[in-house]
N, C-alpha and C. Protein backbone atom coordinates (compact mmCIF):
# COMPACT_ATOMS: atom_id res chain seq x y z
N MET A 1 70.16 147.00 90.37
CA MET A 1 71.57 146.95 89.42
C MET A 1 71.36 145.74 87.97
N LYS A 2 72.30 145.94 87.09
CA LYS A 2 71.73 145.02 85.76
C LYS A 2 72.51 144.05 85.89
N ILE A 3 71.64 142.86 85.02
CA ILE A 3 72.68 141.57 85.28
C ILE A 3 74.14 141.88 85.25
N SER A 4 74.85 142.44 83.96
CA SER A 4 75.97 142.83 84.13
C SER A 4 77.08 143.59 85.31
N ASP A 5 76.20 144.30 86.16
CA ASP A 5 77.18 144.81 87.00
C ASP A 5 76.68 143.43 87.96
N LEU A 6 75.57 143.11 88.88
CA LEU A 6 75.92 141.51 89.39
C LEU A 6 76.87 140.52 88.66
N ALA A 7 77.36 140.39 87.76
CA ALA A 7 77.97 139.71 87.42
C ALA A 7 79.41 140.07 88.05
N HIS A 8 79.64 141.31 87.34
CA HIS A 8 80.60 141.82 87.92
C HIS A 8 80.65 141.93 88.92
N ARG A 9 79.80 142.25 90.38
CA ARG A 9 80.45 142.20 92.04
C ARG A 9 80.56 141.19 91.87
N SER A 10 79.74 139.84 91.75
CA SER A 10 79.60 138.88 92.49
C SER A 10 80.61 137.33 92.20
N GLY A 11 81.50 137.88 91.04
CA GLY A 11 81.78 137.38 89.90
C GLY A 11 81.60 136.09 89.27
N LEU A 12 80.26 135.99 89.80
CA LEU A 12 79.68 134.70 88.60
C LEU A 12 79.69 136.21 87.23
N THR A 13 79.06 135.05 86.17
CA THR A 13 78.82 135.37 84.82
C THR A 13 77.65 135.81 84.86
N ALA A 14 76.86 136.07 83.83
CA ALA A 14 75.54 136.23 83.61
C ALA A 14 74.76 135.57 83.26
N HIS A 15 75.51 133.77 82.69
CA HIS A 15 75.44 132.58 82.21
C HIS A 15 74.57 132.41 83.15
N THR A 16 75.20 132.11 84.91
CA THR A 16 74.58 131.24 85.90
C THR A 16 73.86 131.54 86.43
N ILE A 17 74.35 133.44 86.43
CA ILE A 17 73.24 134.27 87.22
C ILE A 17 71.41 133.75 86.95
N ARG A 18 71.68 133.50 85.52
CA ARG A 18 70.15 132.88 84.29
C ARG A 18 70.08 131.77 84.98
N TYR A 19 70.97 131.38 85.19
CA TYR A 19 70.50 129.64 86.37
C TYR A 19 70.74 129.51 87.08
N TYR A 20 71.24 129.78 87.71
CA TYR A 20 70.14 130.68 89.00
C TYR A 20 68.88 130.53 89.23
N GLU A 21 69.00 131.65 89.16
CA GLU A 21 67.08 131.90 88.83
C GLU A 21 66.65 130.82 88.48
N ARG A 22 66.38 130.43 87.11
CA ARG A 22 65.73 129.96 86.05
C ARG A 22 65.91 128.16 87.17
N ILE A 23 66.59 127.44 88.37
CA ILE A 23 66.60 126.33 88.60
C ILE A 23 65.83 127.08 90.48
N GLY A 24 65.23 128.02 90.19
CA GLY A 24 65.17 127.81 91.67
C GLY A 24 66.27 129.02 92.71
N LEU A 25 67.42 129.04 92.51
CA LEU A 25 68.20 129.22 93.44
C LEU A 25 68.65 130.42 94.30
N MET A 26 67.90 131.59 93.43
CA MET A 26 67.62 132.17 94.10
C MET A 26 66.62 133.19 92.55
N PRO A 27 65.58 133.61 93.62
CA PRO A 27 63.84 134.92 92.47
C PRO A 27 64.29 135.61 91.69
N ARG A 28 63.82 135.33 90.92
CA ARG A 28 63.27 136.11 89.55
C ARG A 28 64.16 137.13 90.11
N ALA A 29 64.09 137.70 88.42
CA ALA A 29 65.01 139.39 88.99
C ALA A 29 63.99 140.18 88.99
N ASP A 30 63.54 141.58 89.14
CA ASP A 30 62.18 142.61 88.86
C ASP A 30 62.59 142.91 87.47
N ARG A 31 61.84 143.44 86.36
CA ARG A 31 62.54 143.72 85.50
C ARG A 31 62.17 145.90 85.53
N ASP A 32 63.25 145.88 84.01
CA ASP A 32 62.51 146.79 84.43
C ASP A 32 61.82 147.74 83.79
N GLY A 33 61.20 148.67 83.03
CA GLY A 33 60.48 149.30 81.45
C GLY A 33 60.99 148.54 80.48
N SER A 34 62.03 148.65 80.35
CA SER A 34 63.07 147.33 78.88
C SER A 34 62.52 146.39 79.13
N GLY A 35 62.13 145.79 80.05
CA GLY A 35 62.04 144.24 80.25
C GLY A 35 63.51 144.25 81.03
N HIS A 36 64.56 144.55 80.63
CA HIS A 36 66.10 143.61 81.33
C HIS A 36 65.51 143.66 82.77
N ARG A 37 66.94 142.84 82.92
CA ARG A 37 66.35 141.82 84.75
C ARG A 37 67.41 143.34 85.82
N ASP A 38 66.12 143.38 87.18
CA ASP A 38 66.48 144.77 88.17
C ASP A 38 67.37 144.12 89.21
N TYR A 39 68.56 144.02 89.23
CA TYR A 39 68.65 143.61 90.64
C TYR A 39 68.75 144.59 91.57
N GLY A 40 67.97 144.18 93.15
CA GLY A 40 68.55 144.83 94.24
C GLY A 40 69.33 143.81 95.13
N PRO A 41 69.50 145.47 95.96
CA PRO A 41 70.59 144.97 96.60
C PRO A 41 71.18 143.72 97.69
N GLU A 42 70.28 143.17 97.83
CA GLU A 42 70.23 142.08 98.52
C GLU A 42 70.13 140.95 98.02
N THR A 43 70.06 140.90 96.11
CA THR A 43 70.40 139.36 95.57
C THR A 43 72.48 140.01 95.24
N LEU A 44 72.63 141.25 96.02
CA LEU A 44 74.28 140.40 95.27
C LEU A 44 74.27 139.91 96.89
N ILE A 45 74.02 140.17 98.14
CA ILE A 45 73.94 139.89 99.13
C ILE A 45 73.93 138.10 99.36
N TRP A 46 72.68 137.76 98.33
CA TRP A 46 72.50 136.44 98.74
C TRP A 46 74.01 135.81 97.52
N VAL A 47 73.74 136.15 96.28
CA VAL A 47 74.59 135.72 95.30
C VAL A 47 76.47 135.48 96.27
N THR A 48 76.65 136.18 97.07
CA THR A 48 77.92 135.86 97.42
C THR A 48 77.46 134.90 98.51
N PHE A 49 77.02 134.76 99.56
CA PHE A 49 76.02 134.16 100.66
C PHE A 49 76.48 132.62 100.27
N ILE A 50 76.24 132.41 98.38
CA ILE A 50 75.74 131.35 97.52
C ILE A 50 76.79 131.01 96.91
N GLY A 51 77.40 131.61 96.81
CA GLY A 51 78.90 131.63 96.94
C GLY A 51 80.74 130.92 97.05
N HIS A 52 79.83 131.43 98.67
CA HIS A 52 80.42 131.08 99.95
C HIS A 52 80.69 129.24 100.00
N MET A 53 79.11 129.55 99.99
CA MET A 53 78.94 128.26 100.67
C MET A 53 79.08 126.60 99.05
N LYS A 54 79.36 126.75 97.73
CA LYS A 54 79.87 127.01 96.82
C LYS A 54 81.08 126.41 97.64
N ALA A 55 81.30 127.26 97.99
CA ALA A 55 83.36 127.44 98.26
C ALA A 55 83.02 126.50 99.30
N ALA A 56 82.54 126.22 99.77
CA ALA A 56 82.91 124.73 101.29
C ALA A 56 82.03 123.88 100.86
N GLY A 57 82.00 123.66 99.70
CA GLY A 57 81.27 122.26 98.92
C GLY A 57 79.85 121.66 99.00
N MET A 58 79.60 122.86 99.27
CA MET A 58 78.04 122.59 99.15
C MET A 58 77.31 122.60 97.81
N PRO A 59 76.73 120.87 97.57
CA PRO A 59 76.34 120.72 95.84
C PRO A 59 74.81 121.40 96.62
N ILE A 60 74.66 122.10 94.87
CA ILE A 60 73.01 122.45 94.25
C ILE A 60 71.98 122.17 95.58
N SER A 61 71.98 120.76 95.06
CA SER A 61 70.72 120.09 95.97
C SER A 61 70.49 120.40 97.36
N GLU A 62 71.57 120.95 97.95
CA GLU A 62 71.41 121.49 99.63
C GLU A 62 70.98 122.82 99.31
N MET A 63 72.27 123.45 98.54
CA MET A 63 71.80 124.90 98.34
C MET A 63 70.39 125.56 97.90
N LEU A 64 69.86 124.93 97.00
CA LEU A 64 68.12 124.42 96.89
C LEU A 64 66.99 124.42 98.20
N ARG A 65 67.91 123.27 98.55
CA ARG A 65 67.62 123.31 100.19
C ARG A 65 67.05 124.54 101.02
N TYR A 66 68.68 124.63 100.62
CA TYR A 66 67.78 125.75 101.86
C TYR A 66 67.58 127.28 101.07
N ALA A 67 67.45 127.20 100.24
CA ALA A 67 67.09 128.30 99.37
C ALA A 67 65.56 128.08 99.82
N ARG A 68 64.60 127.07 99.62
CA ARG A 68 63.35 127.15 100.13
C ARG A 68 63.19 127.11 101.02
N LEU A 69 63.78 127.23 101.92
CA LEU A 69 63.11 127.36 103.20
C LEU A 69 63.35 128.52 103.59
N ARG A 70 64.23 129.33 103.32
CA ARG A 70 64.80 130.65 103.24
C ARG A 70 63.24 131.11 102.51
N GLN A 71 62.65 131.09 101.52
CA GLN A 71 61.98 130.99 101.18
C GLN A 71 60.91 131.29 102.50
N GLN A 72 60.02 130.15 103.06
CA GLN A 72 59.36 129.81 103.61
C GLN A 72 59.52 130.86 104.31
N GLY A 73 60.58 130.88 105.38
CA GLY A 73 60.91 132.05 106.02
C GLY A 73 61.02 131.97 107.37
N ALA A 74 61.10 133.04 108.20
CA ALA A 74 61.43 132.58 109.72
C ALA A 74 60.96 131.52 110.02
N GLY A 75 60.00 130.50 109.95
CA GLY A 75 60.72 129.60 110.83
C GLY A 75 60.73 128.26 110.61
N THR A 76 61.54 128.55 109.35
CA THR A 76 62.51 127.84 108.83
C THR A 76 64.13 127.73 109.50
N SER A 77 64.39 128.98 110.72
CA SER A 77 65.55 128.73 110.92
C SER A 77 66.02 127.74 111.58
N ASP A 78 66.32 127.22 112.11
CA ASP A 78 65.79 125.84 112.87
C ASP A 78 66.43 125.23 111.59
N GLN A 79 66.12 124.80 110.96
CA GLN A 79 66.54 123.81 109.58
C GLN A 79 67.52 124.25 108.82
N ARG A 80 67.40 125.40 108.41
CA ARG A 80 68.19 126.19 107.66
C ARG A 80 69.73 126.10 109.01
N ALA A 81 69.99 127.06 109.85
CA ALA A 81 71.29 126.41 111.12
C ALA A 81 71.78 124.77 110.83
N ASP A 82 70.88 124.08 111.34
CA ASP A 82 70.98 122.98 111.25
C ASP A 82 71.95 122.52 109.76
N ILE A 83 70.91 123.23 108.63
CA ILE A 83 72.37 122.42 107.54
C ILE A 83 73.40 123.22 107.90
N LEU A 84 73.41 124.71 107.75
CA LEU A 84 75.00 125.09 107.81
C LEU A 84 75.68 124.53 108.63
N ARG A 85 75.26 124.03 110.50
CA ARG A 85 75.65 123.33 110.83
C ARG A 85 76.55 122.63 110.54
N LYS A 86 75.73 121.42 109.82
CA LYS A 86 76.42 120.50 109.62
C LYS A 86 77.37 120.21 108.18
N ARG A 87 77.39 121.58 107.29
CA ARG A 87 79.08 121.90 106.64
C ARG A 87 79.82 122.71 107.40
N ARG A 88 79.13 123.26 108.98
CA ARG A 88 80.08 124.18 108.74
C ARG A 88 81.29 122.78 109.56
N ALA A 89 81.02 121.50 109.99
CA ALA A 89 81.56 121.02 110.17
C ALA A 89 82.07 120.06 109.11
N LEU A 90 81.96 119.56 108.24
CA LEU A 90 82.35 119.29 107.05
C LEU A 90 83.54 120.16 106.50
N VAL A 91 83.07 121.47 106.66
CA VAL A 91 84.35 122.73 105.83
C VAL A 91 85.70 122.25 107.64
N ALA A 92 85.42 122.53 108.63
CA ALA A 92 86.03 122.64 109.96
C ALA A 92 87.39 121.46 109.46
N GLN A 93 86.44 119.67 109.26
CA GLN A 93 87.52 119.12 108.52
C GLN A 93 88.21 118.57 107.91
N ARG A 94 87.58 120.01 106.57
CA ARG A 94 89.20 119.35 105.51
C ARG A 94 90.02 120.83 105.84
N ILE A 95 89.63 121.77 106.67
CA ILE A 95 90.25 121.94 107.34
C ILE A 95 91.39 122.07 107.91
N THR A 96 91.08 120.94 108.36
CA THR A 96 92.36 119.72 109.64
C THR A 96 92.71 119.43 108.90
N SER A 97 92.35 118.56 107.29
CA SER A 97 92.65 117.99 106.54
C SER A 97 94.12 118.24 105.86
N LEU A 98 93.68 119.71 106.11
CA LEU A 98 94.55 120.58 104.85
C LEU A 98 95.66 121.14 105.43
N GLN A 99 95.12 121.18 106.17
CA GLN A 99 96.26 121.47 108.07
C GLN A 99 98.06 120.57 107.65
N ALA A 100 96.78 119.73 107.79
CA ALA A 100 97.43 118.47 108.18
C ALA A 100 99.19 118.06 107.07
N THR A 101 98.42 118.45 105.76
CA THR A 101 98.81 118.44 104.33
C THR A 101 100.47 119.49 104.20
N LEU A 102 99.44 121.18 104.80
CA LEU A 102 100.70 121.69 104.76
C LEU A 102 101.65 121.47 105.59
N ASP A 103 101.96 120.58 106.96
CA ASP A 103 102.85 120.48 107.69
C ASP A 103 103.46 119.64 107.07
N VAL A 104 103.11 118.66 106.74
CA VAL A 104 103.39 117.95 105.31
C VAL A 104 104.98 118.49 105.57
N LEU A 105 104.24 118.79 103.33
CA LEU A 105 104.39 120.32 102.73
C LEU A 105 106.14 120.94 103.09
N ASP A 106 105.37 121.75 104.33
CA ASP A 106 106.10 122.13 105.25
C ASP A 106 107.33 121.28 105.58
N GLY A 107 107.47 120.26 106.12
CA GLY A 107 108.81 119.92 106.76
C GLY A 107 109.24 119.54 105.28
N LYS A 108 108.86 118.71 104.01
CA LYS A 108 109.24 118.35 103.30
C LYS A 108 110.13 119.62 102.67
N ILE A 109 109.98 120.20 102.28
CA ILE A 109 110.57 122.25 101.73
C ILE A 109 112.28 122.12 103.76
N ALA A 110 111.68 122.67 104.35
CA ALA A 110 112.40 122.92 105.06
C ALA A 110 114.06 121.28 105.01
N GLY A 111 113.19 120.31 104.25
CA GLY A 111 114.22 119.19 104.51
C GLY A 111 115.21 119.29 103.27
N TYR A 112 114.45 119.97 101.96
CA TYR A 112 115.68 120.55 101.25
C TYR A 112 116.08 122.15 101.06
N ASP A 113 115.29 122.49 101.89
CA ASP A 113 116.67 123.41 101.57
C ASP A 113 117.56 123.39 103.67
N MET A 114 117.77 122.53 103.68
CA MET A 114 118.43 122.34 104.65
C MET A 114 119.49 121.57 104.07
N GLU A 115 119.08 120.19 102.55
CA GLU A 115 120.01 119.46 102.36
C GLU A 115 120.47 120.45 101.13
N ARG A 116 120.29 121.94 100.88
CA ARG A 116 120.82 122.60 99.54
C ARG A 116 121.63 123.34 100.40
N THR A 117 121.72 124.00 101.06
CA THR A 117 122.53 124.77 102.55
C THR A 117 123.28 123.98 102.97
N SER A 118 123.14 122.39 103.02
CA SER A 118 124.49 121.99 103.45
C SER A 118 125.47 121.44 102.23
N ASN A 119 124.53 121.55 100.73
CA ASN A 119 125.69 121.09 99.71
C ASN A 119 126.41 122.39 99.68
N ASP A 120 125.65 123.49 100.11
CA ASP A 120 125.61 124.24 99.59
C ASP A 120 127.77 125.17 100.44
N ASN A 121 126.84 124.53 101.54
CA ASN A 121 129.00 124.70 102.30
C ASN A 121 129.33 123.93 102.19
N ASP A 122 129.87 122.45 102.12
CA ASP A 122 130.53 121.83 101.67
C ASP A 122 130.58 122.45 100.31
N ARG A 123 130.49 123.26 99.43
CA ARG A 123 131.11 123.71 98.30
C ARG A 123 132.61 124.47 98.78
N ASN A 124 131.56 125.52 99.81
CA ASN A 124 132.67 126.86 99.99
C ASN A 124 133.72 126.48 100.77
N THR A 125 133.61 125.22 101.55
CA THR A 125 134.59 124.75 101.81
C THR A 125 135.33 124.31 101.27
N ALA A 126 135.05 123.60 100.29
CA ALA A 126 136.07 122.70 99.52
C ALA A 126 137.19 124.05 98.30
């Protein structure tokens, strides 16, 4: 697929894809007869993974470390799994924190809703 197709399907911009290639976060694309980048389906899987790691708050330096280990092959699977376990723990902590925040917001909203209902009832009985 061409860079525009990869950009469309991944949600990244062509500029970001080129940047990821330039810094080594993703392998350089093959080129077609015209010299245009030509990506295989595995590239979409990889950039989707990168997107999830970005959403998980993984810094680019850590993504680069993971990518380098991935390029080294199966012998690095324990190291890669360790990186992902640590990131998972951080995501779980963030979810717990966000859930507590959501509970507080729900409580406040419920209080305002009860107050409004009470005021509406007072107006209707007057």
